[in-house]
PDB file of N, CA and C in Angstrom:
ATOM      1  N   UNK A   1     -28.395 -11.068 -29.832  1.00  0.00           N
ATOM      2  CA  UNK A   1     -27.704  -9.376 -29.867  1.00  0.00           C
ATOM      3  C   UNK A   1     -27.209  -8.867 -28.251  1.00  0.00           C
ATOM      4  N   UNK A   2     -28.730  -8.544 -27.862  1.00  0.00           N
ATOM      5  CA  UNK A   2     -28.744  -8.253 -26.225  1.00  0.00           C
ATOM      6  C   UNK A   2     -27.277  -9.005 -25.310  1.00  0.00           C
ATOM      7  N   UNK A   3     -27.381 -10.044 -25.830  1.00  0.00           N
ATOM      8  CA  UNK A   3     -26.258 -10.678 -24.867  1.00  0.00           C
ATOM      9  C   UNK A   3     -25.027 -10.282 -24.986  1.00  0.00           C
ATOM     10  N   UNK A   4     -24.892  -9.972 -26.661  1.00  0.00           N
ATOM     11  CA  UNK A   4     -23.355 -10.032 -27.121  1.00  0.00           C
ATOM     12  C   UNK A   4     -23.404  -8.697 -26.338  1.00  0.00           C
ATOM     13  N   UNK A   5     -23.984  -7.622 -26.527  1.00  0.00           N
ATOM     14  CA  UNK A   5     -23.788  -6.363 -26.031  1.00  0.00           C
ATOM     15  C   UNK A   5     -23.314  -6.738 -24.387  1.00  0.00           C
ATOM     16  N   UNK A   6     -24.273  -7.389 -23.602  1.00  0.00           N
ATOM     17  CA  UNK A   6     -24.397  -6.969 -22.558  1.00  0.00           C
ATOM     18  C   UNK A   6     -22.825  -8.219 -22.288  1.00  0.00           C
ATOM     19  N   UNK A   7     -22.366  -9.308 -22.666  1.00  0.00           N
ATOM     20  CA  UNK A   7     -21.111  -9.689 -22.641  1.00  0.00           C
ATOM     21  C   UNK A   7     -20.031  -8.655 -22.669  1.00  0.00           C
ATOM     22  N   UNK A   8     -19.825  -7.989 -23.819  1.00  0.00           N
ATOM     23  CA  UNK A   8     -19.087  -6.821 -24.655  1.00  0.00           C
ATOM     24  C   UNK A   8     -18.901  -6.500 -23.451  1.00  0.00           C
ATOM     25  N   UNK A   9     -19.863  -5.511 -22.608  1.00  0.00           N
ATOM     26  CA  UNK A   9     -19.876  -4.413 -21.300  1.00  0.00           C
ATOM     27  C   UNK A   9     -19.236  -4.798 -20.510  1.00  0.00           C
ATOM     28  N   UNK A  10     -19.856  -6.325 -19.995  1.00  0.00           N
ATOM     29  CA  UNK A  10     -19.189  -6.886 -18.654  1.00  0.00           C
ATOM     30  C   UNK A  10     -17.863  -7.691 -19.012  1.00  0.00           C
ATOM     31  N   UNK A  11     -17.046  -7.976 -20.096  1.00  0.00           N
ATOM     32  CA  UNK A  11     -15.709  -7.854 -20.545  1.00  0.00           C
ATOM     33  C   UNK A  11     -14.738  -6.527 -20.516  1.00  0.00           C
ATOM     34  N   UNK A  12     -15.686  -5.804 -20.430  1.00  0.00           N
ATOM     35  CA  UNK A  12     -14.840  -4.062 -20.484  1.00  0.00           C
ATOM     36  C   UNK A  12     -14.991  -3.845 -19.151  1.00  0.00           C
ATOM     37  N   UNK A  13     -16.006  -4.351 -18.294  1.00  0.00           N
ATOM     38  CA  UNK A  13     -15.966  -3.885 -16.787  1.00  0.00           C
ATOM     39  C   UNK A  13     -14.736  -4.402 -16.226  1.00  0.00           C
ATOM     40  N   UNK A  14     -14.209  -5.583 -16.343  1.00  0.00           N
ATOM     41  CA  UNK A  14     -13.841  -6.999 -15.766  1.00  0.00           C
ATOM     42  C   UNK A  14     -12.091  -6.696 -16.206  1.00  0.00           C
ATOM     43  N   UNK A  15     -12.107  -6.405 -17.588  1.00  0.00           N
ATOM     44  CA  UNK A  15     -10.869  -5.154 -17.858  1.00  0.00           C
ATOM     45  C   UNK A  15     -10.499  -3.990 -16.963  1.00  0.00           C
ATOM     46  N   UNK A  16     -11.321  -3.674 -16.982  1.00  0.00           N
ATOM     47  CA  UNK A  16     -10.915  -2.213 -16.029  1.00  0.00           C
ATOM     48  C   UNK A  16     -10.270  -2.221 -14.895  1.00  0.00           C
ATOM     49  N   UNK A  17     -11.609  -3.213 -14.560  1.00  0.00           N
ATOM     50  CA  UNK A  17     -10.973  -3.749 -13.003  1.00  0.00           C
ATOM     51  C   UNK A  17      -9.561  -4.805 -12.918  1.00  0.00           C
ATOM     52  N   UNK A  18      -9.627  -5.387 -13.414  1.00  0.00           N
ATOM     53  CA  UNK A  18      -8.182  -6.022 -13.402  1.00  0.00           C
ATOM     54  C   UNK A  18      -7.316  -5.338 -13.116  1.00  0.00           C
ATOM     55  N   UNK A  19      -7.222  -3.961 -14.586  1.00  0.00           N
ATOM     56  CA  UNK A  19      -6.538  -2.839 -15.324  1.00  0.00           C
ATOM     57  C   UNK A  19      -6.259  -2.191 -13.340  1.00  0.00           C
ATOM     58  N   UNK A  20      -7.893  -1.643 -12.334  1.00  0.00           N
ATOM     59  CA  UNK A  20      -7.357  -0.937 -11.496  1.00  0.00           C
ATOM     60  C   UNK A  20      -6.507  -1.680 -10.563  1.00  0.00           C
ATOM     61  N   UNK A  21      -6.842  -2.608 -10.364  1.00  0.00           N
ATOM     62  CA  UNK A  21      -5.930  -3.883  -9.199  1.00  0.00           C
ATOM     63  C   UNK A  21      -4.903  -4.218  -9.442  1.00  0.00           C
ATOM     64  N   UNK A  22      -4.097  -3.519 -10.937  1.00  0.00           N
ATOM     65  CA  UNK A  22      -2.632  -4.700 -11.069  1.00  0.00           C
ATOM     66  C   UNK A  22      -1.833  -4.760 -10.585  1.00  0.00           C
ATOM     67  N   UNK A  23      -1.293  -4.302  -9.062  1.00  0.00           N
ATOM     68  CA  UNK A  23      -0.095  -4.077  -8.720  1.00  0.00           C
ATOM     69  C   UNK A  23      -0.111  -4.836  -7.584  1.00  0.00           C
ATOM     70  N   UNK A  24       0.509  -5.520  -6.829  1.00  0.00           N
ATOM     71  CA  UNK A  24      -0.130  -6.444  -5.596  1.00  0.00           C
ATOM     72  C   UNK A  24       1.159  -6.612  -5.216  1.00  0.00           C
ATOM     73  N   UNK A  25       1.761  -5.896  -3.981  1.00  0.00           N
ATOM     74  CA  UNK A  25       2.774  -6.261  -3.634  1.00  0.00           C
ATOM     75  C   UNK A  25       2.636  -6.678  -1.937  1.00  0.00           C
ATOM     76  N   UNK A  26       4.074  -8.030  -1.735  1.00  0.00           N
ATOM     77  CA  UNK A  26       4.426  -7.999  -0.526  1.00  0.00           C
ATOM     78  C   UNK A  26       5.517  -7.125   0.492  1.00  0.00           C
ATOM     79  N   UNK A  27       5.123  -6.785   1.418  1.00  0.00           N
ATOM     80  CA  UNK A  27       6.178  -6.002   1.607  1.00  0.00           C
ATOM     81  C   UNK A  27       6.158  -5.248   3.624  1.00  0.00           C
ATOM     82  N   UNK A  28       6.667  -4.819   3.406  1.00  0.00           N
ATOM     83  CA  UNK A  28       6.567  -3.638   4.848  1.00  0.00           C
ATOM     84  C   UNK A  28       5.724  -2.546   4.845  1.00  0.00           C
ATOM     85  N   UNK A  29       4.995  -1.909   5.915  1.00  0.00           N
ATOM     86  CA  UNK A  29       4.386  -0.639   5.659  1.00  0.00           C
ATOM     87  C   UNK A  29       5.936   0.062   6.977  1.00  0.00           C
ATOM     88  N   UNK A  30       5.983   1.409   6.258  1.00  0.00           N
ATOM     89  CA  UNK A  30       7.115   2.386   7.039  1.00  0.00           C
ATOM     90  C   UNK A  30       6.375   4.108   7.104  1.00  0.00           C
ATOM     91  N   UNK A  31       6.136   4.528   7.828  1.00  0.00           N
ATOM     92  CA  UNK A  31       6.224   5.803   8.049  1.00  0.00           C
ATOM     93  C   UNK A  31       6.815   6.886   7.388  1.00  0.00           C
ATOM     94  N   UNK A  32       7.035   7.758   6.434  1.00  0.00           N
ATOM     95  CA  UNK A  32       7.610   8.381   5.419  1.00  0.00           C
ATOM     96  C   UNK A  32       8.760   9.343   6.601  1.00  0.00           C
ATOM     97  N   UNK A  33       8.415   9.591   7.872  1.00  0.00           N
ATOM     98  CA  UNK A  33       9.210  10.221   8.466  1.00  0.00           C
ATOM     99  C   UNK A  33      10.355   9.059   8.992  1.00  0.00           C
ATOM    100  N   UNK A  34      10.092   8.321   9.309  1.00  0.00           N
ATOM    101  CA  UNK A  34      11.186   6.845   9.550  1.00  0.00           C
ATOM    102  C   UNK A  34      12.293   6.967   7.883  1.00  0.00           C
ATOM    103  N   UNK A  35      11.016   6.284   7.406  1.00  0.00           N
ATOM    104  CA  UNK A  35      11.993   5.955   5.749  1.00  0.00           C
ATOM    105  C   UNK A  35      12.666   6.907   5.145  1.00  0.00           C
ATOM    106  N   UNK A  36      12.376   8.490   5.679  1.00  0.00           N
ATOM    107  CA  UNK A  36      13.107   9.291   4.883  1.00  0.00           C
ATOM    108  C   UNK A  36      14.239   9.329   5.962  1.00  0.00           C
ATOM    109  N   UNK A  37      14.645   9.560   7.061  1.00  0.00           N
ATOM    110  CA  UNK A  37      15.651   9.324   7.851  1.00  0.00           C
ATOM    111  C   UNK A  37      17.055   8.293   8.058  1.00  0.00           C
ATOM    112  N   UNK A  38      16.506   7.350   7.019  1.00  0.00           N
ATOM    113  CA  UNK A  38      17.571   6.115   6.583  1.00  0.00           C
ATOM    114  C   UNK A  38      18.162   6.508   5.152  1.00  0.00           C
ATOM    115  N   UNK A  39      18.641   5.963   5.145  1.00  0.00           N
ATOM    116  CA  UNK A  39      19.783   5.855   3.469  1.00  0.00           C
ATOM    117  C   UNK A  39      18.808   4.917   2.953  1.00  0.00           C
ATOM    118  N   UNK A  40      18.999   4.914   1.184  1.00  0.00           N
ATOM    119  CA  UNK A  40      18.173   4.502   0.409  1.00  0.00           C
ATOM    120  C   UNK A  40      18.790   2.929   0.755  1.00  0.00           C
ATOM    121  N   UNK A  41      20.522   2.886   1.114  1.00  0.00           N
ATOM    122  CA  UNK A  41      20.915   1.359   0.902  1.00  0.00           C
ATOM    123  C   UNK A  41      21.019   0.527   2.274  1.00  0.00           C
ATOM    124  N   UNK A  42      20.800   1.570   3.686  1.00  0.00           N
ATOM    125  CA  UNK A  42      19.992   0.405   4.634  1.00  0.00           C
ATOM    126  C   UNK A  42      18.518   0.577   4.979  1.00  0.00           C
ATOM    127  N   UNK A  43      17.801   1.380   3.823  1.00  0.00           N
ATOM    128  CA  UNK A  43      16.302   1.071   4.192  1.00  0.00           C
ATOM    129  C   UNK A  43      15.972  -0.501   4.425  1.00  0.00           C
ATOM    130  N   UNK A  44      16.284  -1.289   3.303  1.00  0.00           N
ATOM    131  CA  UNK A  44      16.113  -2.415   3.654  1.00  0.00           C
ATOM    132  C   UNK A  44      16.003  -3.468   4.982  1.00  0.00           C
ATOM    133  N   UNK A  45      16.940  -2.860   5.976  1.00  0.00           N
ATOM    134  CA  UNK A  45      17.156  -3.238   7.004  1.00  0.00           C
ATOM    135  C   UNK A  45      16.269  -2.762   8.306  1.00  0.00           C
ATOM    136  N   UNK A  46      16.436  -1.330   7.797  1.00  0.00           N
ATOM    137  CA  UNK A  46      15.827  -0.211   8.796  1.00  0.00           C
ATOM    138  C   UNK A  46      14.243  -1.004   8.619  1.00  0.00           C
ATOM    139  N   UNK A  47      13.873  -1.683   7.865  1.00  0.00           N
ATOM    140  CA  UNK A  47      12.374  -1.839   7.652  1.00  0.00           C
ATOM    141  C   UNK A  47      12.190  -2.896   8.770  1.00  0.00           C
ATOM    142  N   UNK A  48      12.941  -3.959   8.871  1.00  0.00           N
ATOM    143  CA  UNK A  48      12.630  -4.825   9.261  1.00  0.00           C
ATOM    144  C   UNK A  48      12.509  -5.076  10.802  1.00  0.00           C
ATOM    145  N   UNK A  49      13.412  -4.038  11.440  1.00  0.00           N
ATOM    146  CA  UNK A  49      13.751  -3.544  13.009  1.00  0.00           C
ATOM    147  C   UNK A  49      12.707  -2.793  13.163  1.00  0.00           C
ATOM    148  N   UNK A  50      11.999  -1.682  12.434  1.00  0.00           N
ATOM    149  CA  UNK A  50      10.876  -0.794  12.870  1.00  0.00           C
ATOM    150  C   UNK A  50       9.636  -1.781  12.831  1.00  0.00           C
ATOM    151  N   UNK A  51       9.200  -0.845  13.649  1.00  0.00           N
ATOM    152  CA  UNK A  51       8.024  -1.418  15.360  1.00  0.00           C
ATOM    153  C   UNK A  51       7.046  -0.614  14.821  1.00  0.00           C
ATOM    154  N   UNK A  52       5.308  -1.179  14.716  1.00  0.00           N
ATOM    155  CA  UNK A  52       4.220  -0.677  14.575  1.00  0.00           C
ATOM    156  C   UNK A  52       4.146   0.157  15.806  1.00  0.00           C
ATOM    157  N   UNK A  53       4.359  -0.487  16.870  1.00  0.00           N
ATOM    158  CA  UNK A  53       4.334   1.514  17.772  1.00  0.00           C
ATOM    159  C   UNK A  53       5.036   2.763  17.473  1.00  0.00           C
ATOM    160  N   UNK A  54       6.147   2.594  16.678  1.00  0.00           N
ATOM    161  CA  UNK A  54       6.697   3.390  15.758  1.00  0.00           C
ATOM    162  C   UNK A  54       5.614   4.607  15.223  1.00  0.00           C
ATOM    163  N   UNK A  55       5.397   3.171  14.167  1.00  0.00           N
ATOM    164  CA  UNK A  55       4.392   3.775  13.114  1.00  0.00           C
ATOM    165  C   UNK A  55       3.371   4.518  13.243  1.00  0.00           C
ATOM    166  N   UNK A  56       2.970   4.005  14.323  1.00  0.00           N
ATOM    167  CA  UNK A  56       1.149   4.836  15.033  1.00  0.00           C
ATOM    168  C   UNK A  56       2.194   5.989  16.005  1.00  0.00           C
ATOM    169  N   UNK A  57       2.938   6.523  16.088  1.00  0.00           N
ATOM    170  CA  UNK A  57       3.094   7.373  16.701  1.00  0.00           C
ATOM    171  C   UNK A  57       2.682   8.415  16.225  1.00  0.00           C
ATOM    172  N   UNK A  58       2.304   9.765  16.875  1.00  0.00           N
ATOM    173  CA  UNK A  58       1.064  10.720  16.152  1.00  0.00           C
ATOM    174  C   UNK A  58       2.138  11.451  15.170  1.00  0.00           C
ATOM    175  N   UNK A  59       3.670  12.248  15.494  1.00  0.00           N
ATOM    176  CA  UNK A  59       4.330  12.441  14.298  1.00  0.00           C
ATOM    177  C   UNK A  59       5.065  11.170  12.927  1.00  0.00           C
ATOM    178  N   UNK A  60       4.984  10.160  13.513  1.00  0.00           N
ATOM    179  CA  UNK A  60       5.424   9.238  12.056  1.00  0.00           C
ATOM    180  C   UNK A  60       3.991   9.057  11.738  1.00  0.00           C
ATOM    181  N   UNK A  61       3.015   9.382  11.942  1.00  0.00           N
ATOM    182  CA  UNK A  61       1.596   8.654  11.273  1.00  0.00           C
ATOM    183  C   UNK A  61       0.981  10.090  10.640  1.00  0.00           C
ATOM    184  N   UNK A  62       1.579  11.020  11.339  1.00  0.00           N
ATOM    185  CA  UNK A  62       1.226  12.644  10.302  1.00  0.00           C
ATOM    186  C   UNK A  62       2.013  12.657   9.574  1.00  0.00           C
ATOM    187  N   UNK A  63       3.177  11.973   9.084  1.00  0.00           N
ATOM    188  CA  UNK A  63       4.066  12.060   8.209  1.00  0.00           C
ATOM    189  C   UNK A  63       3.724  11.057   7.296  1.00  0.00           C
ATOM    190  N   UNK A  64       2.660  10.233   6.889  1.00  0.00           N
ATOM    191  CA  UNK A  64       1.848   9.282   5.854  1.00  0.00           C
ATOM    192  C   UNK A  64       2.582   7.686   6.202  1.00  0.00           C
ATOM    193  N   UNK A  65       2.122   7.181   4.795  1.00  0.00           N
ATOM    194  CA  UNK A  65       3.111   5.794   5.191  1.00  0.00           C
ATOM    195  C   UNK A  65       3.644   5.817   3.516  1.00  0.00           C
ATOM    196  N   UNK A  66       4.566   4.417   3.846  1.00  0.00           N
ATOM    197  CA  UNK A  66       4.982   4.083   2.579  1.00  0.00           C
ATOM    198  C   UNK A  66       4.844   2.621   2.195  1.00  0.00           C
ATOM    199  N   UNK A  67       5.021   2.110   1.383  1.00  0.00           N
ATOM    200  CA  UNK A  67       5.221   0.125   1.287  1.00  0.00           C
ATOM    201  C   UNK A  67       6.541  -0.032   0.441  1.00  0.00           C
ATOM    202  N   UNK A  68       7.237  -0.939   1.584  1.00  0.00           N
ATOM    203  CA  UNK A  68       8.782  -1.606   1.184  1.00  0.00           C
ATOM    204  C   UNK A  68       8.786  -2.748   0.939  1.00  0.00           C
ATOM    205  N   UNK A  69       8.772  -2.611  -0.631  1.00  0.00           N
ATOM    206  CA  UNK A  69       8.436  -4.402  -1.439  1.00  0.00           C
ATOM    207  C   UNK A  69       9.733  -4.232  -2.613  1.00  0.00           C
ATOM    208  N   UNK A  70      10.093  -5.776  -2.191  1.00  0.00           N
ATOM    209  CA  UNK A  70      11.159  -5.507  -3.778  1.00  0.00           C
ATOM    210  C   UNK A  70      12.299  -4.789  -4.195  1.00  0.00           C
ATOM    211  N   UNK A  71      12.608  -4.229  -2.922  1.00  0.00           N
ATOM    212  CA  UNK A  71      13.706  -3.166  -2.471  1.00  0.00           C
ATOM    213  C   UNK A  71      13.392  -1.899  -2.867  1.00  0.00           C
ATOM    214  N   UNK A  72      12.396  -1.601  -3.509  1.00  0.00           N
ATOM    215  CA  UNK A  72      11.469  -0.257  -3.650  1.00  0.00           C
ATOM    216  C   UNK A  72      10.869   0.297  -2.399  1.00  0.00           C
ATOM    217  N   UNK A  73      10.630   1.941  -2.074  1.00  0.00           N
ATOM    218  CA  UNK A  73       9.486   2.343  -1.576  1.00  0.00           C
ATOM    219  C   UNK A  73       8.720   2.946  -2.119  1.00  0.00           C
ATOM    220  N   UNK A  74       7.392   2.230  -2.230  1.00  0.00           N
ATOM    221  CA  UNK A  74       6.224   2.995  -3.012  1.00  0.00           C
ATOM    222  C   UNK A  74       5.604   3.821  -1.901  1.00  0.00           C
ATOM    223  N   UNK A  75       5.528   5.357  -2.081  1.00  0.00           N
ATOM    224  CA  UNK A  75       4.415   6.335  -1.133  1.00  0.00           C
ATOM    225  C   UNK A  75       3.308   6.205  -1.679  1.00  0.00           C
ATOM    226  N   UNK A  76       2.448   5.923  -0.469  1.00  0.00           N
ATOM    227  CA  UNK A  76       1.428   6.030  -0.274  1.00  0.00           C
ATOM    228  C   UNK A  76       0.584   7.557  -0.572  1.00  0.00           C
ATOM    229  N   UNK A  77      -0.916   7.534  -1.199  1.00  0.00           N
ATOM    230  CA  UNK A  77      -1.820   8.676  -1.522  1.00  0.00           C
ATOM    231  C   UNK A  77      -2.737   8.955  -0.524  1.00  0.00           C
ATOM    232  N   UNK A  78      -3.345  10.369  -0.018  1.00  0.00           N
ATOM    233  CA  UNK A  78      -3.446  10.453   0.923  1.00  0.00           C
ATOM    234  C   UNK A  78      -4.901   9.440   1.420  1.00  0.00           C
ATOM    235  N   UNK A  79      -6.035   9.175   0.609  1.00  0.00           N
ATOM    236  CA  UNK A  79      -6.887   7.737   0.774  1.00  0.00           C
ATOM    237  C   UNK A  79      -6.127   6.662   1.440  1.00  0.00           C
ATOM    238  N   UNK A  80      -4.738   6.193   0.492  1.00  0.00           N
ATOM    239  CA  UNK A  80      -3.833   4.857   0.832  1.00  0.00           C
ATOM    240  C   UNK A  80      -3.365   5.272   2.423  1.00  0.00           C
ATOM    241  N   UNK A  81      -3.024   6.469   2.505  1.00  0.00           N
ATOM    242  CA  UNK A  81      -2.630   6.717   4.241  1.00  0.00           C
ATOM    243  C   UNK A  81      -3.506   6.564   4.947  1.00  0.00           C
ATOM    244  N   UNK A  82      -4.818   7.158   4.571  1.00  0.00           N
ATOM    245  CA  UNK A  82      -6.027   6.942   5.403  1.00  0.00           C
ATOM    246  C   UNK A  82      -6.215   5.432   5.813  1.00  0.00           C
ATOM    247  N   UNK A  83      -6.127   4.652   4.909  1.00  0.00           N
ATOM    248  CA  UNK A  83      -6.640   2.904   4.812  1.00  0.00           C
ATOM    249  C   UNK A  83      -6.131   2.307   5.527  1.00  0.00           C
ATOM    250  N   UNK A  84      -4.464   2.758   5.681  1.00  0.00           N
ATOM    251  CA  UNK A  84      -3.566   2.104   6.505  1.00  0.00           C
ATOM    252  C   UNK A  84      -3.683   2.433   7.625  1.00  0.00           C
ATOM    253  N   UNK A  85      -3.690   3.362   8.075  1.00  0.00           N
ATOM    254  CA  UNK A  85      -3.710   3.798   9.514  1.00  0.00           C
ATOM    255  C   UNK A  85      -4.530   3.242   9.919  1.00  0.00           C
ATOM    256  N   UNK A  86      -6.122   3.294   9.239  1.00  0.00           N
ATOM    257  CA  UNK A  86      -6.957   2.596   9.964  1.00  0.00           C
ATOM    258  C   UNK A  86      -6.477   0.927  10.007  1.00  0.00           C
ATOM    259  N   UNK A  87      -6.237   0.800   9.341  1.00  0.00           N
ATOM    260  CA  UNK A  87      -5.313  -0.770   9.086  1.00  0.00           C
ATOM    261  C   UNK A  87      -5.133  -1.279  10.726  1.00  0.00           C
ATOM    262  N   UNK A  88      -3.787  -0.369  10.553  1.00  0.00           N
ATOM    263  CA  UNK A  88      -2.612  -0.552  11.877  1.00  0.00           C
ATOM    264  C   UNK A  88      -3.282  -0.053  12.993  1.00  0.00           C
ATOM    265  N   UNK A  89      -4.517   0.211  13.240  1.00  0.00           N
ATOM    266  CA  UNK A  89      -5.586   0.531  14.513  1.00  0.00           C
ATOM    267  C   UNK A  89      -5.869  -0.988  14.762  1.00  0.00           C
ATOM    268  N   UNK A  90      -5.641  -1.837  14.267  1.00  0.00           N
ATOM    269  CA  UNK A  90      -6.507  -3.101  14.664  1.00  0.00           C
ATOM    270  C   UNK A  90      -5.535  -3.463  15.465  1.00  0.00           C
ATOM    271  N   UNK A  91      -5.064  -4.144  16.234  1.00  0.00           N
ATOM    272  CA  UNK A  91      -4.524  -4.829  17.422  1.00  0.00           C
ATOM    273  C   UNK A  91      -4.124  -6.379  16.684  1.00  0.00           C
ATOM    274  N   UNK A  92      -4.929  -6.902  15.356  1.00  0.00           N
ATOM    275  CA  UNK A  92      -3.860  -8.103  15.258  1.00  0.00           C
ATOM    276  C   UNK A  92      -3.383  -7.472  13.657  1.00  0.00           C
ATOM    277  N   UNK A  93      -3.362  -6.081  13.739  1.00  0.00           N
ATOM    278  CA  UNK A  93      -2.639  -5.830  11.977  1.00  0.00           C
ATOM    279  C   UNK A  93      -1.476  -6.143  12.007  1.00  0.00           C
ATOM    280  N   UNK A  94      -0.497  -6.220  11.047  1.00  0.00           N
ATOM    281  CA  UNK A  94       1.301  -6.254  11.387  1.00  0.00           C
ATOM    282  C   UNK A  94       1.768  -5.379  10.428  1.00  0.00           C
ATOM    283  N   UNK A  95       2.742  -5.386  10.176  1.00  0.00           N
ATOM    284  CA  UNK A  95       3.747  -4.021   9.432  1.00  0.00           C
ATOM    285  C   UNK A  95       3.760  -4.804   7.769  1.00  0.00           C
ATOM    286  N   UNK A  96       4.013  -6.106   8.246  1.00  0.00           N
ATOM    287  CA  UNK A  96       3.962  -6.747   7.280  1.00  0.00           C
ATOM    288  C   UNK A  96       3.035  -7.183   6.174  1.00  0.00           C
ATOM    289  N   UNK A  97       2.725  -6.722   5.210  1.00  0.00           N
ATOM    290  CA  UNK A  97       1.453  -6.746   4.580  1.00  0.00           C
ATOM    291  C   UNK A  97       1.784  -7.264   3.170  1.00  0.00           C
ATOM    292  N   UNK A  98       0.211  -7.255   2.566  1.00  0.00           N
ATOM    293  CA  UNK A  98       0.294  -7.641   1.286  1.00  0.00           C
ATOM    294  C   UNK A  98      -0.986  -6.430   0.716  1.00  0.00           C
ATOM    295  N   UNK A  99      -0.390  -5.566  -0.289  1.00  0.00           N
ATOM    296  CA  UNK A  99      -1.245  -4.522  -0.686  1.00  0.00           C
ATOM    297  C   UNK A  99      -1.992  -4.560  -2.043  1.00  0.00           C
ATOM    298  N   UNK A 100      -3.135  -4.417  -2.809  1.00  0.00           N
ATOM    299  CA  UNK A 100      -3.705  -4.931  -3.694  1.00  0.00           C
ATOM    300  C   UNK A 100      -4.195  -3.337  -4.088  1.00  0.00           C
ATOM    301  N   UNK A 101      -3.458  -2.749  -5.763  1.00  0.00           N
ATOM    302  CA  UNK A 101      -3.937  -1.259  -6.049  1.00  0.00           C
ATOM    303  C   UNK A 101      -2.982  -0.942  -7.115  1.00  0.00           C
ATOM    304  N   UNK A 102      -2.723   0.149  -7.707  1.00  0.00           N
ATOM    305  CA  UNK A 102      -2.449   0.302  -8.276  1.00  0.00           C
ATOM    306  C   UNK A 102      -1.649   1.707  -8.423  1.00  0.00           C
ATOM    307  N   UNK A 103      -0.899   2.152  -8.883  1.00  0.00           N
ATOM    308  CA  UNK A 103       0.567   3.061  -8.815  1.00  0.00           C
ATOM    309  C   UNK A 103       0.229   4.674  -9.702  1.00  0.00           C
ATOM    310  N   UNK A 104      -0.284   5.483  -8.892  1.00  0.00           N
ATOM    311  CA  UNK A 104      -0.693   7.032 -10.124  1.00  0.00           C
ATOM    312  C   UNK A 104      -0.394   7.851  -9.479  1.00  0.00           C
ATOM    313  N   UNK A 105       0.605   8.563 -10.668  1.00  0.00           N
ATOM    314  CA  UNK A 105       0.922  10.100 -10.600  1.00  0.00           C
ATOM    315  C   UNK A 105       2.170   9.522  -9.132  1.00  0.00           C
ATOM    316  N   UNK A 106       2.815   8.141  -9.586  1.00  0.00           N
ATOM    317  CA  UNK A 106       4.091   8.182  -8.740  1.00  0.00           C
ATOM    318  C   UNK A 106       3.388   7.879  -7.247  1.00  0.00           C
ATOM    319  N   UNK A 107       2.364   7.638  -7.034  1.00  0.00           N
ATOM    320  CA  UNK A 107       1.867   7.421  -5.660  1.00  0.00           C
ATOM    321  C   UNK A 107       1.111   6.032  -5.473  1.00  0.00           C
ATOM    322  N   UNK A 108       1.329   5.076  -4.592  1.00  0.00           N
ATOM    323  CA  UNK A 108       0.238   4.298  -4.761  1.00  0.00           C
ATOM    324  C   UNK A 108      -0.744   3.967  -3.912  1.00  0.00           C
ATOM    325  N   UNK A 109      -1.689   4.149  -5.165  1.00  0.00           N
ATOM    326  CA  UNK A 109      -3.185   3.373  -4.270  1.00  0.00           C
ATOM    327  C   UNK A 109      -3.615   2.457  -4.015  1.00  0.00           C
ATOM    328  N   UNK A 110      -4.044   2.251  -2.903  1.00  0.00           N
ATOM    329  CA  UNK A 110      -4.281   1.131  -2.099  1.00  0.00           C
ATOM    330  C   UNK A 110      -6.064   0.746  -2.106  1.00  0.00           C
ATOM    331  N   UNK A 111      -5.987  -0.474  -2.772  1.00  0.00           N
ATOM    332  CA  UNK A 111      -7.744  -1.326  -2.788  1.00  0.00           C
ATOM    333  C   UNK A 111      -7.885  -2.316  -2.018  1.00  0.00           C
ATOM    334  N   UNK A 112      -6.906  -2.733  -1.469  1.00  0.00           N
ATOM    335  CA  UNK A 112      -7.014  -3.744  -0.364  1.00  0.00           C
ATOM    336  C   UNK A 112      -5.311  -3.588   0.867  1.00  0.00           C
ATOM    337  N   UNK A 113      -5.373  -3.851   1.944  1.00  0.00           N
ATOM    338  CA  UNK A 113      -4.081  -4.442   2.566  1.00  0.00           C
ATOM    339  C   UNK A 113      -4.735  -5.148   3.331  1.00  0.00           C
ATOM    340  N   UNK A 114      -3.506  -6.522   4.014  1.00  0.00           N
ATOM    341  CA  UNK A 114      -3.998  -7.779   4.680  1.00  0.00           C
ATOM    342  C   UNK A 114      -2.785  -7.678   5.344  1.00  0.00           C
ATOM    343  N   UNK A 115      -2.637  -8.663   6.192  1.00  0.00           N
ATOM    344  CA  UNK A 115      -1.150  -9.059   7.097  1.00  0.00           C
ATOM    345  C   UNK A 115      -0.880 -10.217   5.654  1.00  0.00           C
ATOM    346  N   UNK A 116       0.603 -10.134   6.008  1.00  0.00           N
ATOM    347  CA  UNK A 116       1.308 -10.970   4.817  1.00  0.00           C
ATOM    348  C   UNK A 116       1.239 -12.323   5.543  1.00  0.00           C
TER     349      UNK A 116
END
């Protein structure tokens, strides 16, 4: 009986973990200042020319970040902005990323970020 209860608890934990990290996106990091200055139909083209140096400028970093993936802009929550800022501070990081997380109240909560 104890094994059955343990397995049930383990299953619930794994299901919760899978649900919490249910979104994996391949896309590009863009700061909200630059993203907001572009029309939605031109944003995909702009993202391809946007530079890491621009995203790290103080005024751009202060605006927060989004992930542009699958033709959609995913705005990040405050904790995720901090994670992305720390990620971009690494010399080997790039704007083309793979993020894992979930969408909460219309914002992306990033659990993991890495270069594509």
